[in-house]
Amino acid sequence: MTDAPLRKGWTTGACAAAAAKAAWQALRGDGFPDPVAIRLPRGETPSFALSRKRLEPGRAVAGVIKDAGDDPDVTHGAEIIACVEPAPPGSGIVFRAGDGVGTVTLPGLPVPPGEAAINPGPRRQIMDNLGPADVVVTLSIPGGEALAARTLNGRLGIRGGLSILGTTGVVIPYSCSAWVHSIHRGIDVARALGLDHVVAVTGKTSEAAARRLFSPPDPALIDMGDMAGAVLKYLRRAPVERLILVGGFAKLAKLAAGELDLHSGASRVDVGFLAGLLAELGRPLPMEADASAAQVLALAGGLPLGDLVARRARETALAVLSGGTRVEVIAIDRAGKVVGRAG
């Protein structure tokens, strides 16, 4: 018996394109298509049922409920609403942020400060599905500002709501594409602001430790979670002068062993690897295969196992970066105490 495949979903950008197309057709006098079919960049032609449709003098409004499939997306179930109104001849398609859609306030993002946080991919999808038109498209997401508090938008300088995202229009379950996108855009913002360093952390405890140790400005903080590879590979293409990695001992032990995805579903702490490090430090000890990283750290006693793990994690990072960025690594325990340092 095999597990059923995970169900794909649709991005906020695809839902926005569907709502905008339905509203535009109604504004032209063709009525609301329900469901409304759109064409995505890779050739898919999904259809979307409308959650609302309203035609008023001089404008049309349509909505689509986002279905993210089996992905644990914060915007799953949110309503994406498009209001389409005529614009002066020659204007083309003008995009505006309505209630619950954010506005960009910092440089370095794909759209400039002052613009609606509607990424280039969704803008192209809307333009492709509307065709030549002189209209204002205002996108709204009821409750979007509250949902945005559960994302990294605030750190990216996106105020007032969510971003409209999606390059392909398709959500691949558990691809974490939105998180990776936020990591990349966070680095872009730091570079655009002229910061010479970024501080990548694995969680709330490591973020608190990083703030205590370095007092970094908010745009320098990158919440990488388990995605060390997303940080390192992007910095290889878009380097900064200095990278500080602050993470839990167990996660950095995985990085030290060469793992770039630190999620428990993708990698496990290699107890044999840690036992080998202890042997290097002069304390060869028998280890249970299911021993935790915290247990191994306790067995190390006063030996600098944390420093050695930090040093090996730094070597992994430097190998991925391939030069150009100085790296410092800080390992902490569950209480936020520094247990290892390198660089």
C-alpha atoms as a PDB file:
ATOM      1  CA  MET A   1       0.000   0.000   0.000  1.00  0.00           C
ATOM      2  CA  THR A   2       1.410   3.384  -0.978  1.00  0.00           C
ATOM      3  CA  ASP A   3       0.636   6.831   0.362  1.00  0.00           C
ATOM      4  CA  ALA A   4      -1.551   9.013  -1.849  1.00  0.00           C
ATOM      5  CA  PRO A   5       0.412  11.755  -3.599  1.00  0.00           C
ATOM      6  CA  LEU A   6       0.185  15.199  -2.040  1.00  0.00           C
ATOM      7  CA  ARG A   7      -2.243  17.521  -3.760  1.00  0.00           C
ATOM      8  CA  LYS A   8      -0.838  20.610  -5.463  1.00  0.00           C
ATOM      9  CA  GLY A   9      -2.416  24.011  -4.961  1.00  0.00           C
ATOM     10  CA  TRP A  10      -2.522  27.511  -6.442  1.00  0.00           C
ATOM     11  CA  THR A  11      -0.524  30.577  -5.482  1.00  0.00           C
ATOM     12  CA  THR A  12      -1.997  33.915  -4.438  1.00  0.00           C
ATOM     13  CA  GLY A  13      -0.782  35.194  -7.813  1.00  0.00           C
ATOM     14  CA  ALA A  14      -2.803  32.605  -9.741  1.00  0.00           C
ATOM     15  CA  CYS A  15      -5.904  33.324  -7.655  1.00  0.00           C
ATOM     16  CA  ALA A  16      -5.424  37.062  -8.213  1.00  0.00           C
ATOM     17  CA  ALA A  17      -5.127  36.505 -11.968  1.00  0.00           C
ATOM     18  CA  ALA A  18      -8.351  34.475 -11.979  1.00  0.00           C
ATOM     19  CA  ALA A  19     -10.266  37.083  -9.966  1.00  0.00           C
ATOM     20  CA  ALA A  20      -8.923  39.921 -12.101  1.00  0.00           C
ATOM     21  CA  LYS A  21      -9.835  38.141 -15.357  1.00  0.00           C
ATOM     22  CA  ALA A  22     -13.383  37.472 -14.163  1.00  0.00           C
ATOM     23  CA  ALA A  23     -13.837  41.092 -13.073  1.00  0.00           C
ATOM     24  CA  TRP A  24     -12.392  42.423 -16.342  1.00  0.00           C
ATOM     25  CA  GLN A  25     -14.705  40.308 -18.465  1.00  0.00           C
ATOM     26  CA  ALA A  26     -17.699  41.522 -16.445  1.00  0.00           C
ATOM     27  CA  LEU A  27     -16.555  45.138 -16.757  1.00  0.00           C
ATOM     28  CA  ARG A  28     -16.387  44.693 -20.562  1.00  0.00           C
ATOM     29  CA  GLY A  29     -19.992  43.513 -20.564  1.00  0.00           C
ATOM     30  CA  ASP A  30     -19.318  39.797 -21.053  1.00  0.00           C
ATOM     31  CA  GLY A  31     -20.595  38.742 -17.623  1.00  0.00           C
ATOM     32  CA  PHE A  32     -18.716  36.934 -14.874  1.00  0.00           C
ATOM     33  CA  PRO A  33     -17.277  33.605 -16.031  1.00  0.00           C
ATOM     34  CA  ASP A  34     -17.829  31.174 -13.171  1.00  0.00           C
ATOM     35  CA  PRO A  35     -15.704  29.156 -13.002  1.00  0.00           C
ATOM     36  CA  VAL A  36     -13.043  31.277 -14.648  1.00  0.00           C
ATOM     37  CA  ALA A  37     -10.164  29.592 -16.490  1.00  0.00           C
ATOM     38  CA  ILE A  38      -6.700  31.126 -16.743  1.00  0.00           C
ATOM     39  CA  ARG A  39      -3.455  30.155 -18.415  1.00  0.00           C
ATOM     40  CA  LEU A  40      -0.341  29.823 -16.266  1.00  0.00           C
ATOM     41  CA  PRO A  41       3.283  30.341 -17.380  1.00  0.00           C
ATOM     42  CA  ARG A  42       3.955  26.615 -17.808  1.00  0.00           C
ATOM     43  CA  GLY A  43       0.814  26.020 -19.841  1.00  0.00           C
ATOM     44  CA  GLU A  44      -1.607  24.767 -17.159  1.00  0.00           C
ATOM     45  CA  THR A  45      -5.194  26.004 -17.551  1.00  0.00           C
ATOM     46  CA  PRO A  46      -6.883  25.670 -14.146  1.00  0.00           C
ATOM     47  CA  SER A  47     -10.412  26.883 -13.444  1.00  0.00           C
ATOM     48  CA  PHE A  48     -11.447  28.753 -10.290  1.00  0.00           C
ATOM     49  CA  ALA A  49     -14.895  29.115  -8.765  1.00  0.00           C
ATOM     50  CA  LEU A  50     -15.779  32.675  -7.774  1.00  0.00           C
ATOM     51  CA  SER A  51     -16.393  33.426  -4.103  1.00  0.00           C
ATOM     52  CA  ARG A  52     -17.940  36.804  -4.952  1.00  0.00           C
ATOM     53  CA  LYS A  53     -18.938  38.770  -8.023  1.00  0.00           C
ATOM     54  CA  ARG A  54     -20.297  42.271  -8.093  1.00  0.00           C
ATOM     55  CA  LEU A  55     -20.787  44.658 -11.003  1.00  0.00           C
ATOM     56  CA  GLU A  56     -21.172  48.352 -10.180  1.00  0.00           C
ATOM     57  CA  PRO A  57     -21.102  51.495 -12.298  1.00  0.00           C
ATOM     58  CA  GLY A  58     -17.504  51.892 -13.431  1.00  0.00           C
ATOM     59  CA  ARG A  59     -16.050  48.841 -11.743  1.00  0.00           C
ATOM     60  CA  ALA A  60     -16.317  45.092 -11.245  1.00  0.00           C
ATOM     61  CA  VAL A  61     -15.257  42.982  -8.277  1.00  0.00           C
ATOM     62  CA  ALA A  62     -14.533  39.250  -8.175  1.00  0.00           C
ATOM     63  CA  GLY A  63     -13.029  36.963  -5.551  1.00  0.00           C
ATOM     64  CA  VAL A  64     -11.385  33.534  -5.399  1.00  0.00           C
ATOM     65  CA  ILE A  65     -10.689  31.401  -2.325  1.00  0.00           C
ATOM     66  CA  LYS A  66      -7.090  30.218  -2.337  1.00  0.00           C
ATOM     67  CA  ASP A  67      -6.599  26.457  -2.264  1.00  0.00           C
ATOM     68  CA  ALA A  68      -2.983  25.651  -1.387  1.00  0.00           C
ATOM     69  CA  GLY A  69      -3.548  21.914  -1.800  1.00  0.00           C
ATOM     70  CA  ASP A  70      -1.783  19.881   0.864  1.00  0.00           C
ATOM     71  CA  ASP A  71       0.770  22.598   1.578  1.00  0.00           C
ATOM     72  CA  PRO A  72       0.574  24.166   5.082  1.00  0.00           C
ATOM     73  CA  ASP A  73       0.406  27.638   3.559  1.00  0.00           C
ATOM     74  CA  VAL A  74      -0.596  30.531   5.822  1.00  0.00           C
ATOM     75  CA  THR A  75      -2.829  31.891   3.038  1.00  0.00           C
ATOM     76  CA  HIS A  76      -4.741  28.635   2.461  1.00  0.00           C
ATOM     77  CA  GLY A  77      -8.433  29.500   2.563  1.00  0.00           C
ATOM     78  CA  ALA A  78      -7.869  33.244   2.202  1.00  0.00           C
ATOM     79  CA  GLU A  79     -10.044  35.159  -0.245  1.00  0.00           C
ATOM     80  CA  ILE A  80      -8.176  37.000  -3.009  1.00  0.00           C
ATOM     81  CA  ILE A  81     -10.297  39.854  -4.335  1.00  0.00           C
ATOM     82  CA  ALA A  82      -9.715  41.884  -7.486  1.00  0.00           C
ATOM     83  CA  CYS A  83     -11.435  45.183  -8.217  1.00  0.00           C
ATOM     84  CA  VAL A  84     -11.030  46.283 -11.841  1.00  0.00           C
ATOM     85  CA  GLU A  85     -11.759  49.853 -12.927  1.00  0.00           C
ATOM     86  CA  PRO A  86     -11.116  51.748 -16.167  1.00  0.00           C
ATOM     87  CA  ALA A  87      -7.910  53.798 -16.404  1.00  0.00           C
ATOM     88  CA  PRO A  88      -7.050  56.625 -18.833  1.00  0.00           C
ATOM     89  CA  PRO A  89      -6.126  55.470 -22.362  1.00  0.00           C
ATOM     90  CA  GLY A  90      -2.480  54.474 -22.606  1.00  0.00           C
ATOM     91  CA  SER A  91      -2.171  53.667 -18.909  1.00  0.00           C
ATOM     92  CA  GLY A  92      -1.902  49.939 -19.378  1.00  0.00           C
ATOM     93  CA  ILE A  93      -2.570  47.839 -16.268  1.00  0.00           C
ATOM     94  CA  VAL A  94      -1.951  49.726 -13.028  1.00  0.00           C
ATOM     95  CA  PHE A  95      -1.640  47.713  -9.805  1.00  0.00           C
ATOM     96  CA  ARG A  96      -2.749  48.912  -6.391  1.00  0.00           C
ATOM     97  CA  ALA A  97      -2.809  47.404  -2.903  1.00  0.00           C
ATOM     98  CA  GLY A  98      -6.211  47.169  -1.268  1.00  0.00           C
ATOM     99  CA  ASP A  99      -7.063  46.074   2.255  1.00  0.00           C
ATOM    100  CA  GLY A 100      -4.831  43.235   3.448  1.00  0.00           C
ATOM    101  CA  VAL A 101      -2.248  43.528   0.654  1.00  0.00           C
ATOM    102  CA  GLY A 102       1.048  45.070   1.706  1.00  0.00           C
ATOM    103  CA  THR A 103       3.041  48.008   0.435  1.00  0.00           C
ATOM    104  CA  VAL A 104       6.828  47.847  -0.075  1.00  0.00           C
ATOM    105  CA  THR A 105       8.811  50.284   2.091  1.00  0.00           C
ATOM    106  CA  LEU A 106      12.432  49.090   1.739  1.00  0.00           C
ATOM    107  CA  PRO A 107      14.727  48.752  -1.304  1.00  0.00           C
ATOM    108  CA  GLY A 108      15.999  45.415  -2.575  1.00  0.00           C
ATOM    109  CA  LEU A 109      12.669  43.726  -3.318  1.00  0.00           C
ATOM    110  CA  PRO A 110      11.478  42.933  -6.865  1.00  0.00           C
ATOM    111  CA  VAL A 111       9.156  45.960  -6.781  1.00  0.00           C
ATOM    112  CA  PRO A 112      10.312  49.401  -5.592  1.00  0.00           C
ATOM    113  CA  PRO A 113       9.326  51.167  -2.354  1.00  0.00           C
ATOM    114  CA  GLY A 114       5.883  52.713  -2.483  1.00  0.00           C
ATOM    115  CA  GLU A 115       4.503  50.019  -4.792  1.00  0.00           C
ATOM    116  CA  ALA A 116       1.931  47.371  -3.931  1.00  0.00           C
ATOM    117  CA  ALA A 117       3.594  44.128  -2.807  1.00  0.00           C
ATOM    118  CA  ILE A 118       2.495  42.308  -5.944  1.00  0.00           C
ATOM    119  CA  ASN A 119       5.500  40.450  -7.322  1.00  0.00           C
ATOM    120  CA  PRO A 120       6.526  40.528 -10.992  1.00  0.00           C
ATOM    121  CA  GLY A 121       5.343  36.946 -11.583  1.00  0.00           C
ATOM    122  CA  PRO A 122       1.731  37.585 -10.542  1.00  0.00           C
ATOM    123  CA  ARG A 123       1.745  40.918 -12.389  1.00  0.00           C
ATOM    124  CA  ARG A 124       2.722  39.107 -15.589  1.00  0.00           C
ATOM    125  CA  GLN A 125       0.066  36.438 -15.016  1.00  0.00           C
ATOM    126  CA  ILE A 126      -2.613  39.098 -14.621  1.00  0.00           C
ATOM    127  CA  MET A 127      -1.426  41.004 -17.696  1.00  0.00           C
ATOM    128  CA  ASP A 128      -1.237  37.828 -19.782  1.00  0.00           C
ATOM    129  CA  ASN A 129      -4.781  36.804 -18.816  1.00  0.00           C
ATOM    130  CA  LEU A 130      -6.351  40.240 -19.258  1.00  0.00           C
ATOM    131  CA  GLY A 131      -4.608  41.032 -22.524  1.00  0.00           C
ATOM    132  CA  PRO A 132      -4.237  44.644 -23.716  1.00  0.00           C
ATOM    133  CA  ALA A 133      -6.191  46.800 -21.264  1.00  0.00           C
ATOM    134  CA  ASP A 134      -6.162  50.232 -19.645  1.00  0.00           C
ATOM    135  CA  VAL A 135      -7.378  49.398 -16.150  1.00  0.00           C
ATOM    136  CA  VAL A 136      -6.581  49.756 -12.467  1.00  0.00           C
ATOM    137  CA  VAL A 137      -6.420  46.382 -10.696  1.00  0.00           C
ATOM    138  CA  THR A 138      -6.716  46.672  -6.910  1.00  0.00           C
ATOM    139  CA  LEU A 139      -6.060  43.442  -5.006  1.00  0.00           C
ATOM    140  CA  SER A 140      -7.364  42.836  -1.486  1.00  0.00           C
ATOM    141  CA  ILE A 141      -7.202  39.991   1.028  1.00  0.00           C
ATOM    142  CA  PRO A 142      -9.654  40.252   3.946  1.00  0.00           C
ATOM    143  CA  GLY A 143      -7.701  39.624   7.151  1.00  0.00           C
ATOM    144  CA  GLY A 144      -4.435  39.842   5.232  1.00  0.00           C
ATOM    145  CA  GLU A 145      -2.739  42.173   7.709  1.00  0.00           C
ATOM    146  CA  ALA A 146      -3.296  39.700  10.551  1.00  0.00           C
ATOM    147  CA  LEU A 147      -2.070  36.807   8.386  1.00  0.00           C
ATOM    148  CA  ALA A 148       1.029  38.826   7.434  1.00  0.00           C
ATOM    149  CA  ALA A 149       2.038  38.891  11.107  1.00  0.00           C
ATOM    150  CA  ARG A 150       2.691  35.137  10.721  1.00  0.00           C
ATOM    151  CA  THR A 151       5.079  35.721   7.810  1.00  0.00           C
ATOM    152  CA  LEU A 152       8.441  37.453   7.384  1.00  0.00           C
ATOM    153  CA  ASN A 153       6.876  40.451   5.621  1.00  0.00           C
ATOM    154  CA  GLY A 154       7.505  42.852   8.491  1.00  0.00           C
ATOM    155  CA  ARG A 155      11.221  42.120   8.444  1.00  0.00           C
ATOM    156  CA  LEU A 156      11.269  42.665   4.682  1.00  0.00           C
ATOM    157  CA  GLY A 157       9.692  46.094   5.093  1.00  0.00           C
ATOM    158  CA  ILE A 158       6.312  45.097   3.635  1.00  0.00           C
ATOM    159  CA  ARG A 159       3.671  46.961   5.629  1.00  0.00           C
ATOM    160  CA  GLY A 160      -0.075  46.595   5.821  1.00  0.00           C
ATOM    161  CA  GLY A 161      -0.613  43.054   4.650  1.00  0.00           C
ATOM    162  CA  LEU A 162       0.466  40.079   2.587  1.00  0.00           C
ATOM    163  CA  SER A 163       2.459  39.833  -0.609  1.00  0.00           C
ATOM    164  CA  ILE A 164       0.969  38.470  -3.825  1.00  0.00           C
ATOM    165  CA  LEU A 165       3.456  35.761  -4.799  1.00  0.00           C
ATOM    166  CA  GLY A 166       4.002  32.921  -7.214  1.00  0.00           C
ATOM    167  CA  THR A 167       6.269  32.545 -10.227  1.00  0.00           C
ATOM    168  CA  THR A 168       4.584  29.510 -11.765  1.00  0.00           C
ATOM    169  CA  GLY A 169       1.128  29.826 -10.210  1.00  0.00           C
ATOM    170  CA  VAL A 170       1.406  26.331  -8.713  1.00  0.00           C
ATOM    171  CA  VAL A 171       2.049  25.481  -5.056  1.00  0.00           C
ATOM    172  CA  ILE A 172       4.158  22.338  -4.609  1.00  0.00           C
ATOM    173  CA  PRO A 173       3.320  20.839  -1.185  1.00  0.00           C
ATOM    174  CA  TYR A 174       6.085  21.196   1.384  1.00  0.00           C
ATOM    175  CA  SER A 175       8.448  22.818  -1.105  1.00  0.00           C
ATOM    176  CA  CYS A 176       8.724  25.740   1.362  1.00  0.00           C
ATOM    177  CA  SER A 177       9.016  28.017  -1.648  1.00  0.00           C
ATOM    178  CA  ALA A 178       7.491  30.990   0.190  1.00  0.00           C
ATOM    179  CA  TRP A 179      10.039  30.646   3.001  1.00  0.00           C
ATOM    180  CA  VAL A 180      12.933  30.344   0.568  1.00  0.00           C
ATOM    181  CA  HIS A 181      11.578  33.392  -1.278  1.00  0.00           C
ATOM    182  CA  SER A 182      11.548  35.331   2.026  1.00  0.00           C
ATOM    183  CA  ILE A 183      15.136  34.296   2.778  1.00  0.00           C
ATOM    184  CA  HIS A 184      16.324  35.475  -0.628  1.00  0.00           C
ATOM    185  CA  ARG A 185      14.405  38.748  -0.422  1.00  0.00           C
ATOM    186  CA  GLY A 186      15.727  39.342   3.102  1.00  0.00           C
ATOM    187  CA  ILE A 187      19.286  39.080   1.794  1.00  0.00           C
ATOM    188  CA  ASP A 188      18.382  41.384  -1.097  1.00  0.00           C
ATOM    189  CA  VAL A 189      17.026  43.999   1.305  1.00  0.00           C
ATOM    190  CA  ALA A 190      20.135  43.823   3.506  1.00  0.00           C
ATOM    191  CA  ARG A 191      22.360  44.303   0.461  1.00  0.00           C
ATOM    192  CA  ALA A 192      20.251  47.147  -0.906  1.00  0.00           C
ATOM    193  CA  LEU A 193      20.499  48.931   2.443  1.00  0.00           C
ATOM    194  CA  GLY A 194      24.287  48.662   2.303  1.00  0.00           C
ATOM    195  CA  LEU A 195      24.618  46.309   5.274  1.00  0.00           C
ATOM    196  CA  ASP A 196      27.935  44.480   5.302  1.00  0.00           C
ATOM    197  CA  HIS A 197      26.610  41.459   7.209  1.00  0.00           C
ATOM    198  CA  VAL A 198      23.588  39.225   7.738  1.00  0.00           C
ATOM    199  CA  VAL A 199      22.762  37.137  10.798  1.00  0.00           C
ATOM    200  CA  ALA A 200      20.998  33.884   9.936  1.00  0.00           C
ATOM    201  CA  VAL A 201      19.177  32.173  12.820  1.00  0.00           C
ATOM    202  CA  THR A 202      17.443  28.825  13.139  1.00  0.00           C
ATOM    203  CA  GLY A 203      14.607  29.862  15.479  1.00  0.00           C
ATOM    204  CA  LYS A 204      13.324  32.139  18.222  1.00  0.00           C
ATOM    205  CA  THR A 205      15.906  31.093  20.832  1.00  0.00           C
ATOM    206  CA  SER A 206      18.792  31.601  18.435  1.00  0.00           C
ATOM    207  CA  GLU A 207      17.310  34.938  17.325  1.00  0.00           C
ATOM    208  CA  ALA A 208      17.206  36.091  20.943  1.00  0.00           C
ATOM    209  CA  ALA A 209      20.830  35.004  21.362  1.00  0.00           C
ATOM    210  CA  ALA A 210      21.846  36.814  18.169  1.00  0.00           C
ATOM    211  CA  ARG A 211      20.164  40.016  19.343  1.00  0.00           C
ATOM    212  CA  ARG A 212      21.901  39.739  22.713  1.00  0.00           C
ATOM    213  CA  LEU A 213      25.326  39.065  21.213  1.00  0.00           C
ATOM    214  CA  PHE A 214      25.347  41.342  18.174  1.00  0.00           C
ATOM    215  CA  SER A 215      22.423  43.821  18.385  1.00  0.00           C
ATOM    216  CA  PRO A 216      21.896  43.566  14.598  1.00  0.00           C
ATOM    217  CA  PRO A 217      19.452  45.870  12.821  1.00  0.00           C
ATOM    218  CA  ASP A 218      16.226  44.077  11.886  1.00  0.00           C
ATOM    219  CA  PRO A 219      16.987  43.966   8.138  1.00  0.00           C
ATOM    220  CA  ALA A 220      20.211  42.062   8.901  1.00  0.00           C
ATOM    221  CA  LEU A 221      18.333  39.223  10.631  1.00  0.00           C
ATOM    222  CA  ILE A 222      17.441  36.277   8.387  1.00  0.00           C
ATOM    223  CA  ASP A 223      15.077  33.680   9.841  1.00  0.00           C
ATOM    224  CA  MET A 224      16.424  30.704   7.947  1.00  0.00           C
ATOM    225  CA  GLY A 225      14.776  28.025  10.107  1.00  0.00           C
ATOM    226  CA  ASP A 226      16.035  24.699   8.800  1.00  0.00           C
ATOM    227  CA  MET A 227      17.041  26.042   5.397  1.00  0.00           C
ATOM    228  CA  ALA A 228      20.750  26.646   5.769  1.00  0.00           C
ATOM    229  CA  GLY A 229      21.213  25.653   2.147  1.00  0.00           C
ATOM    230  CA  ALA A 230      18.844  28.384   0.954  1.00  0.00           C
ATOM    231  CA  VAL A 231      20.948  30.993   2.767  1.00  0.00           C
ATOM    232  CA  LEU A 232      24.347  29.694   1.721  1.00  0.00           C
ATOM    233  CA  LYS A 233      23.534  29.014  -1.926  1.00  0.00           C
ATOM    234  CA  TYR A 234      21.942  32.431  -2.372  1.00  0.00           C
ATOM    235  CA  LEU A 235      24.850  34.193  -0.665  1.00  0.00           C
ATOM    236  CA  ARG A 236      27.174  32.415  -3.094  1.00  0.00           C
ATOM    237  CA  ARG A 237      25.377  34.320  -5.892  1.00  0.00           C
ATOM    238  CA  ALA A 238      24.742  37.519  -3.938  1.00  0.00           C
ATOM    239  CA  PRO A 239      27.531  37.737  -1.333  1.00  0.00           C
ATOM    240  CA  VAL A 240      27.782  39.982   1.690  1.00  0.00           C
ATOM    241  CA  GLU A 241      30.992  40.724   3.523  1.00  0.00           C
ATOM    242  CA  ARG A 242      30.135  38.744   6.647  1.00  0.00           C
ATOM    243  CA  LEU A 243      27.707  35.968   7.596  1.00  0.00           C
ATOM    244  CA  ILE A 244      26.945  35.089  11.208  1.00  0.00           C
ATOM    245  CA  LEU A 245      25.151  31.773  11.722  1.00  0.00           C
ATOM    246  CA  VAL A 246      23.469  31.333  15.105  1.00  0.00           C
ATOM    247  CA  GLY A 247      21.721  28.052  15.737  1.00  0.00           C
ATOM    248  CA  GLY A 248      20.887  25.285  18.138  1.00  0.00           C
ATOM    249  CA  PHE A 249      23.619  22.755  18.803  1.00  0.00           C
ATOM    250  CA  ALA A 250      21.642  19.892  17.238  1.00  0.00           C
ATOM    251  CA  LYS A 251      20.919  21.776  14.002  1.00  0.00           C
ATOM    252  CA  LEU A 252      24.504  22.952  13.675  1.00  0.00           C
ATOM    253  CA  ALA A 253      25.667  19.373  14.294  1.00  0.00           C
ATOM    254  CA  LYS A 254      23.768  18.446  11.122  1.00  0.00           C
ATOM    255  CA  LEU A 255      25.399  21.318   9.222  1.00  0.00           C
ATOM    256  CA  ALA A 256      28.771  20.222  10.598  1.00  0.00           C
ATOM    257  CA  ALA A 257      28.139  16.769   9.109  1.00  0.00           C
ATOM    258  CA  GLY A 258      27.439  18.321   5.709  1.00  0.00           C
ATOM    259  CA  GLU A 259      23.632  18.527   5.764  1.00  0.00           C
ATOM    260  CA  LEU A 260      22.091  21.697   4.308  1.00  0.00           C
ATOM    261  CA  ASP A 261      18.432  20.913   5.074  1.00  0.00           C
ATOM    262  CA  LEU A 262      18.260  20.828   8.860  1.00  0.00           C
ATOM    263  CA  HIS A 263      14.618  19.753   9.137  1.00  0.00           C
ATOM    264  CA  SER A 264      14.002  16.565  11.097  1.00  0.00           C
ATOM    265  CA  GLY A 265      12.154  15.135   8.095  1.00  0.00           C
ATOM    266  CA  ALA A 266      15.182  15.608   5.857  1.00  0.00           C
ATOM    267  CA  SER A 267      18.137  14.839   8.107  1.00  0.00           C
ATOM    268  CA  ARG A 268      18.942  13.426  11.519  1.00  0.00           C
ATOM    269  CA  VAL A 269      21.696  14.154  13.982  1.00  0.00           C
ATOM    270  CA  ASP A 270      24.524  11.753  13.173  1.00  0.00           C
ATOM    271  CA  VAL A 271      25.445  10.394  16.585  1.00  0.00           C
ATOM    272  CA  GLY A 272      28.363   8.483  15.102  1.00  0.00           C
ATOM    273  CA  PHE A 273      29.722  11.746  13.692  1.00  0.00           C
ATOM    274  CA  LEU A 274      29.480  13.409  17.113  1.00  0.00           C
ATOM    275  CA  ALA A 275      31.118  10.379  18.726  1.00  0.00           C
ATOM    276  CA  GLY A 276      33.961  10.766  16.248  1.00  0.00           C
ATOM    277  CA  LEU A 277      34.375  14.412  17.245  1.00  0.00           C
ATOM    278  CA  LEU A 278      34.521  13.391  20.908  1.00  0.00           C
ATOM    279  CA  ALA A 279      37.205  10.861  20.012  1.00  0.00           C
ATOM    280  CA  GLU A 280      39.180  13.648  18.320  1.00  0.00           C
ATOM    281  CA  LEU A 281      38.964  15.530  21.605  1.00  0.00           C
ATOM    282  CA  GLY A 282      40.358  12.554  23.484  1.00  0.00           C
ATOM    283  CA  ARG A 283      37.167  11.095  24.912  1.00  0.00           C
ATOM    284  CA  PRO A 284      36.074   8.056  22.870  1.00  0.00           C
ATOM    285  CA  LEU A 285      32.754   6.948  24.321  1.00  0.00           C
ATOM    286  CA  PRO A 286      30.218   4.294  23.315  1.00  0.00           C
ATOM    287  CA  MET A 287      27.032   5.964  22.073  1.00  0.00           C
ATOM    288  CA  GLU A 288      23.474   4.737  21.794  1.00  0.00           C
ATOM    289  CA  ALA A 289      22.299   5.121  18.211  1.00  0.00           C
ATOM    290  CA  ASP A 290      19.236   7.078  19.335  1.00  0.00           C
ATOM    291  CA  ALA A 291      21.096   9.397  21.705  1.00  0.00           C
ATOM    292  CA  SER A 292      20.106  13.040  21.344  1.00  0.00           C
ATOM    293  CA  ALA A 293      22.512  15.837  20.514  1.00  0.00           C
ATOM    294  CA  ALA A 294      21.872  17.319  23.950  1.00  0.00           C
ATOM    295  CA  GLN A 295      22.866  14.027  25.592  1.00  0.00           C
ATOM    296  CA  VAL A 296      26.089  13.884  23.600  1.00  0.00           C
ATOM    297  CA  LEU A 297      26.865  17.483  24.543  1.00  0.00           C
ATOM    298  CA  ALA A 298      26.350  16.612  28.199  1.00  0.00           C
ATOM    299  CA  LEU A 299      28.684  13.613  27.867  1.00  0.00           C
ATOM    300  CA  ALA A 300      31.378  15.935  26.542  1.00  0.00           C
ATOM    301  CA  GLY A 301      31.685  17.474  29.982  1.00  0.00           C
ATOM    302  CA  GLY A 302      34.235  20.264  29.858  1.00  0.00           C
ATOM    303  CA  LEU A 303      35.565  19.319  26.418  1.00  0.00           C
ATOM    304  CA  PRO A 304      35.014  21.931  23.656  1.00  0.00           C
ATOM    305  CA  LEU A 305      32.637  19.794  21.600  1.00  0.00           C
ATOM    306  CA  GLY A 306      30.466  22.835  20.845  1.00  0.00           C
ATOM    307  CA  ASP A 307      33.454  24.725  19.465  1.00  0.00           C
ATOM    308  CA  LEU A 308      34.415  21.783  17.281  1.00  0.00           C
ATOM    309  CA  VAL A 309      30.865  21.436  15.943  1.00  0.00           C
ATOM    310  CA  ALA A 310      30.796  25.182  15.231  1.00  0.00           C
ATOM    311  CA  ARG A 311      34.140  24.905  13.435  1.00  0.00           C
ATOM    312  CA  ARG A 312      32.972  21.998  11.261  1.00  0.00           C
ATOM    313  CA  ALA A 313      29.683  23.802  10.524  1.00  0.00           C
ATOM    314  CA  ARG A 314      31.705  26.834   9.469  1.00  0.00           C
ATOM    315  CA  GLU A 315      33.782  24.650   7.142  1.00  0.00           C
ATOM    316  CA  THR A 316      30.588  23.352   5.506  1.00  0.00           C
ATOM    317  CA  ALA A 317      29.325  26.908   5.061  1.00  0.00           C
ATOM    318  CA  LEU A 318      32.601  28.136   3.588  1.00  0.00           C
ATOM    319  CA  ALA A 319      32.672  25.220   1.141  1.00  0.00           C
ATOM    320  CA  VAL A 320      29.197  26.130  -0.152  1.00  0.00           C
ATOM    321  CA  LEU A 321      29.952  29.851  -0.303  1.00  0.00           C
ATOM    322  CA  SER A 322      33.145  29.288  -2.300  1.00  0.00           C
ATOM    323  CA  GLY A 323      34.805  32.431  -0.970  1.00  0.00           C
ATOM    324  CA  GLY A 324      33.826  36.072  -0.756  1.00  0.00           C
ATOM    325  CA  THR A 325      32.082  35.971   2.613  1.00  0.00           C
ATOM    326  CA  ARG A 326      33.574  35.723   6.097  1.00  0.00           C
ATOM    327  CA  VAL A 327      31.686  33.312   8.338  1.00  0.00           C
ATOM    328  CA  GLU A 328      31.198  33.157  12.091  1.00  0.00           C
ATOM    329  CA  VAL A 329      29.196  30.362  13.719  1.00  0.00           C
ATOM    330  CA  ILE A 330      27.603  30.407  17.174  1.00  0.00           C
ATOM    331  CA  ALA A 331      26.100  27.244  18.673  1.00  0.00           C
ATOM    332  CA  ILE A 332      23.624  27.563  21.535  1.00  0.00           C
ATOM    333  CA  ASP A 333      21.823  25.142  23.813  1.00  0.00           C
ATOM    334  CA  ARG A 334      18.065  25.028  24.345  1.00  0.00           C
ATOM    335  CA  ALA A 335      18.269  27.775  26.966  1.00  0.00           C
ATOM    336  CA  GLY A 336      20.094  30.103  24.581  1.00  0.00           C
ATOM    337  CA  LYS A 337      23.495  29.748  26.234  1.00  0.00           C
ATOM    338  CA  VAL A 338      26.492  29.825  23.905  1.00  0.00           C
ATOM    339  CA  VAL A 339      28.109  26.363  23.843  1.00  0.00           C
ATOM    340  CA  GLY A 340      30.328  26.751  20.796  1.00  0.00           C
ATOM    341  CA  ARG A 341      31.886  29.400  18.597  1.00  0.00           C
ATOM    342  CA  ALA A 342      34.067  29.498  15.501  1.00  0.00           C
ATOM    343  CA  GLY A 343      35.341  32.126  13.108  1.00  0.00           C
END
